[in-house]
Protein backbone atom coordinates (compact mmCIF):
# COMPACT_ATOMS: atom_id res chain seq x y z
CA MET A 1 22.24 81.99 109.02
CA LEU A 2 19.39 79.93 106.72
CA ASN A 3 17.86 83.31 105.38
CA GLN A 4 21.53 84.31 104.74
CA ILE A 5 22.28 81.16 102.31
CA ILE A 6 18.62 81.76 100.81
CA GLU A 7 19.22 85.48 100.09
CA PHE A 8 23.03 84.40 98.64
CA LEU A 9 21.50 81.75 96.73
CA ALA A 10 18.85 83.75 95.21
CA LYS A 11 21.10 86.65 94.18
CA GLY A 12 23.47 84.34 92.79
CA THR A 13 20.32 83.21 90.79
CA VAL A 14 19.69 86.50 89.73
CA ALA A 15 23.06 87.42 88.53
CA ALA A 16 23.29 84.00 86.62
CA ILE A 17 20.28 84.86 84.63
CA SER A 18 21.06 88.61 84.26
CA ALA A 19 24.53 87.37 82.69
CA MET A 20 24.17 84.61 80.46
CA GLY A 21 20.56 85.05 79.75
CA TYR A 22 19.12 81.80 78.13
CA ALA A 23 22.24 80.00 78.89
CA GLY A 24 21.96 80.85 82.60
CA VAL A 25 18.38 79.61 82.77
CA ALA A 26 19.72 76.14 81.30
CA LEU A 27 22.44 75.89 83.34
CA LEU A 28 20.02 76.50 86.70
CA MET A 29 17.66 74.02 85.92
CA ALA A 30 19.97 71.61 84.95
CA ILE A 31 21.08 71.94 88.49
CA GLU A 32 17.85 72.06 89.93
CA SER A 33 17.09 68.90 87.69
CA ALA A 34 20.19 66.92 88.82
CA CYS A 35 18.86 67.05 92.20
CA ILE A 36 20.30 69.77 93.98
CA PRO A 37 18.36 72.03 95.98
CA LEU A 38 17.97 74.88 93.47
CA PRO A 39 14.16 75.36 93.13
CA SER A 40 12.57 76.26 90.06
CA GLU A 41 10.23 78.43 91.78
CA ILE A 42 13.07 81.03 91.84
CA ILE A 43 14.62 80.56 88.79
CA MET A 44 12.08 80.70 86.26
CA PRO A 45 9.90 83.85 87.91
CA PHE A 46 13.15 85.80 87.44
CA ALA A 47 13.70 84.96 83.88
CA GLY A 48 9.92 85.65 83.51
CA TYR A 49 10.75 89.10 85.14
CA LEU A 50 13.54 89.80 82.41
CA VAL A 51 10.60 88.59 79.55
CA SER A 52 8.82 91.44 81.27
CA THR A 53 11.48 93.95 80.37
CA GLY A 54 12.03 92.51 76.79
CA GLU A 55 15.36 91.26 77.48
CA LEU A 56 13.94 87.43 76.70
CA THR A 57 10.94 85.91 75.71
CA LEU A 58 8.91 83.47 77.33
CA PHE A 59 9.19 81.00 74.44
CA GLY A 60 12.74 81.24 74.77
CA ILE A 61 13.06 80.77 78.44
CA ALA A 62 10.66 78.04 78.71
CA THR A 63 12.54 76.27 76.00
CA ALA A 64 15.98 77.02 77.77
CA GLY A 65 14.44 75.64 81.22
CA ALA A 66 13.24 72.24 79.64
CA ILE A 67 16.73 71.79 77.85
CA GLY A 68 18.25 72.31 81.12
CA CYS A 69 15.95 69.78 83.14
CA ASN A 70 16.94 67.22 80.29
CA LEU A 71 20.81 67.70 80.83
CA GLY A 72 20.45 67.81 84.50
CA SER A 73 17.93 64.82 84.58
CA THR A 74 19.98 62.64 82.73
CA VAL A 75 22.94 62.91 85.16
CA ALA A 76 20.49 61.66 87.80
CA TYR A 77 19.07 58.87 85.30
CA ALA A 78 22.39 57.49 85.23
CA VAL A 79 23.27 57.52 88.58
CA GLY A 80 20.06 55.51 89.23
CA ALA A 81 20.40 53.12 86.21
CA ARG A 82 24.07 52.52 86.80
CA GLY A 83 23.96 52.66 90.61
CA GLY A 84 20.33 51.63 91.89
CA ARG A 85 18.71 52.57 94.78
CA PRO A 86 21.62 51.71 97.09
CA ALA A 87 23.77 54.44 95.19
CA VAL A 88 20.63 56.63 95.50
CA GLU A 89 20.17 56.39 99.21
CA ARG A 90 24.32 56.57 99.80
CA TRP A 91 24.45 60.08 98.25
CA GLY A 92 21.06 61.21 98.60
CA ARG A 93 21.50 62.46 101.90
CA TYR A 94 23.94 65.13 100.56
CA VAL A 95 21.18 66.62 98.56
CA LEU A 96 18.80 66.68 101.51
CA LEU A 97 16.96 63.55 99.72
CA SER A 98 15.79 61.00 101.78
CA SER A 99 14.45 57.22 101.56
CA ALA A 100 10.97 58.97 102.32
CA ASP A 101 11.40 60.89 98.99
CA ILE A 102 12.68 57.79 97.00
CA ASP A 103 9.94 56.08 97.95
CA MET A 104 7.13 58.40 97.30
CA ALA A 105 8.59 58.77 93.64
CA GLU A 106 9.20 54.90 93.31
CA ARG A 107 5.50 54.63 94.06
CA PHE A 108 4.29 57.26 91.56
CA PHE A 109 6.32 55.19 89.18
CA ALA A 110 4.71 51.77 89.84
CA ARG A 111 1.35 52.67 89.54
CA TYR A 112 1.75 55.10 86.53
CA GLY A 113 4.70 53.90 84.76
CA SER A 114 6.45 56.01 82.56
CA VAL A 115 3.91 58.69 82.43
CA THR A 116 5.06 59.49 85.86
CA VAL A 117 8.02 61.18 84.73
CA PHE A 118 5.43 63.57 82.65
CA VAL A 119 3.13 64.28 85.22
CA CYS A 120 5.97 64.79 88.59
CA ARG A 121 7.32 67.42 86.09
CA LEU A 122 4.42 69.28 86.82
CA LEU A 123 4.68 68.88 90.65
CA PRO A 124 6.81 70.88 93.13
CA VAL A 125 9.40 69.06 94.92
CA VAL A 126 9.10 65.42 93.37
CA ARG A 127 9.72 67.08 89.95
CA THR A 128 13.29 67.54 91.29
CA PHE A 129 14.12 63.66 91.59
CA ILE A 130 11.77 61.48 89.73
CA ALA A 131 14.68 60.74 87.39
CA LEU A 132 16.31 58.86 90.00
CA PRO A 133 13.76 56.20 89.98
CA ALA A 134 13.47 56.02 86.39
CA GLY A 135 16.88 55.50 86.00
CA ILE A 136 16.42 52.61 88.11
CA ALA A 137 13.80 51.18 86.86
CA ARG A 138 15.46 51.72 83.35
CA MET A 139 13.16 53.46 81.68
CA ASN A 140 13.44 53.55 78.29
CA VAL A 141 15.89 56.83 77.58
CA TRP A 142 14.54 58.22 74.79
CA ARG A 143 10.73 58.18 76.42
CA PHE A 144 12.07 59.37 79.53
CA GLN A 145 13.99 62.41 77.49
CA ILE A 146 10.80 63.52 75.75
CA TYR A 147 8.36 63.08 78.61
CA THR A 148 11.30 65.04 80.86
CA PHE A 149 11.20 67.54 78.00
CA VAL A 150 7.04 68.33 77.56
CA GLY A 151 6.25 68.06 81.29
CA SER A 152 9.31 70.73 82.01
CA TRP A 153 8.51 72.92 79.12
CA ILE A 154 4.93 73.48 80.50
CA TRP A 155 6.35 74.04 83.93
CA CYS A 156 9.00 76.54 82.91
CA TYR A 157 6.80 78.31 80.65
CA ALA A 158 3.81 78.51 83.60
CA LEU A 159 6.58 79.59 86.33
CA GLY A 160 7.49 82.06 83.51
CA TYR A 161 4.28 83.61 82.97
CA VAL A 162 3.61 84.01 86.47
CA GLY A 163 7.04 86.42 86.54
CA ALA A 164 6.09 88.32 83.56
CA ARG A 165 3.26 89.23 84.94
CA LEU A 166 4.43 90.24 88.21
CA GLY A 167 7.28 92.12 86.08
CA ALA A 168 4.51 94.06 83.94
CA GLU A 169 2.80 95.02 87.37
CA TRP A 170 6.15 95.91 88.79
CA ASN A 171 6.92 98.19 85.91
CA THR A 172 3.28 99.42 85.73
CA ASN A 173 1.07 99.66 88.69
CA PRO A 174 1.94 102.09 91.14
CA THR A 175 1.18 100.62 94.17
CA VAL A 176 3.31 97.28 93.26
CA LYS A 177 6.47 99.26 92.47
CA ALA A 178 5.81 101.52 96.18
CA ILE A 179 6.38 97.91 97.47
CA PHE A 180 9.00 96.61 95.09
CA HIS A 181 11.58 99.00 95.03
CA GLN A 182 13.80 96.78 92.57
CA ALA A 183 13.28 93.61 91.05
CA ASP A 184 15.87 91.56 93.33
CA VAL A 185 13.47 92.06 96.16
CA ILE A 186 10.96 90.31 94.33
CA ILE A 187 13.12 87.49 93.59
CA VAL A 188 14.90 87.18 96.92
CA GLY A 189 10.96 87.12 98.35
CA LEU A 190 10.03 84.24 95.91
CA GLY A 191 13.25 82.53 96.74
CA VAL A 192 12.98 82.83 100.49
CA LEU A 193 9.43 81.02 99.86
CA GLY A 194 10.48 78.35 97.21
CA ILE A 195 13.62 77.54 98.80
CA GLY A 196 12.36 77.56 102.48
CA PHE A 197 9.49 74.96 101.57
CA VAL A 198 11.80 72.27 99.55
CA LEU A 199 14.18 72.30 102.98
CA TRP A 200 11.80 72.20 105.35
CA HIS A 201 10.02 69.87 103.58
CA ARG A 202 13.38 67.72 102.85
CA LEU A 203 14.49 67.90 106.34
CA ARG A 204 11.72 66.87 108.22
CA ARG A 205 11.20 63.65 106.16
CA ARG A 206 14.85 63.21 106.96
CA GLY A 207 14.12 63.60 110.42
CA ALA A 208 10.80 61.26 110.44
């Protein structure tokens, strides 16, 4: 059942980016940054694949992804700023966000300050919900937006680059082409790994 859900999400991601291009990248990254478990590890590599086919550019997908991250993170920041930790703990469980996840993000924030937003944008899992403790701490909004954009741009560029390289290999390497007959297969495989890891991590913490 879980694999079917993961495959459905992966194919939906593929369809959205294929149909909407840069707007699809921005939309999906906004969803991910609003603390909804739709990992960038599946979104950006497929966008990178489209770079290898000439449909999109690497700079373009990184910028679109970063813009989406800012939009989604602004929503999460507002939730943290207006509702505080009680609101986050009350509603976080609906997106598999546990108290332990919030604690981890707050520890990062307490130790390193505002730069935490930038650093955590370069880390798997924690990058998704770092906007919440930033909002709770009422971090300066402009600094939050700048750190979010810069960190997210680097992250999106890196994942897009990986996808572009995989796409280039798929088109030119007979061995890779024999294994991956369709681009969807690549993305679904990445989706299973990315979404599966996030769900496993959060469910384990939630049950701890």
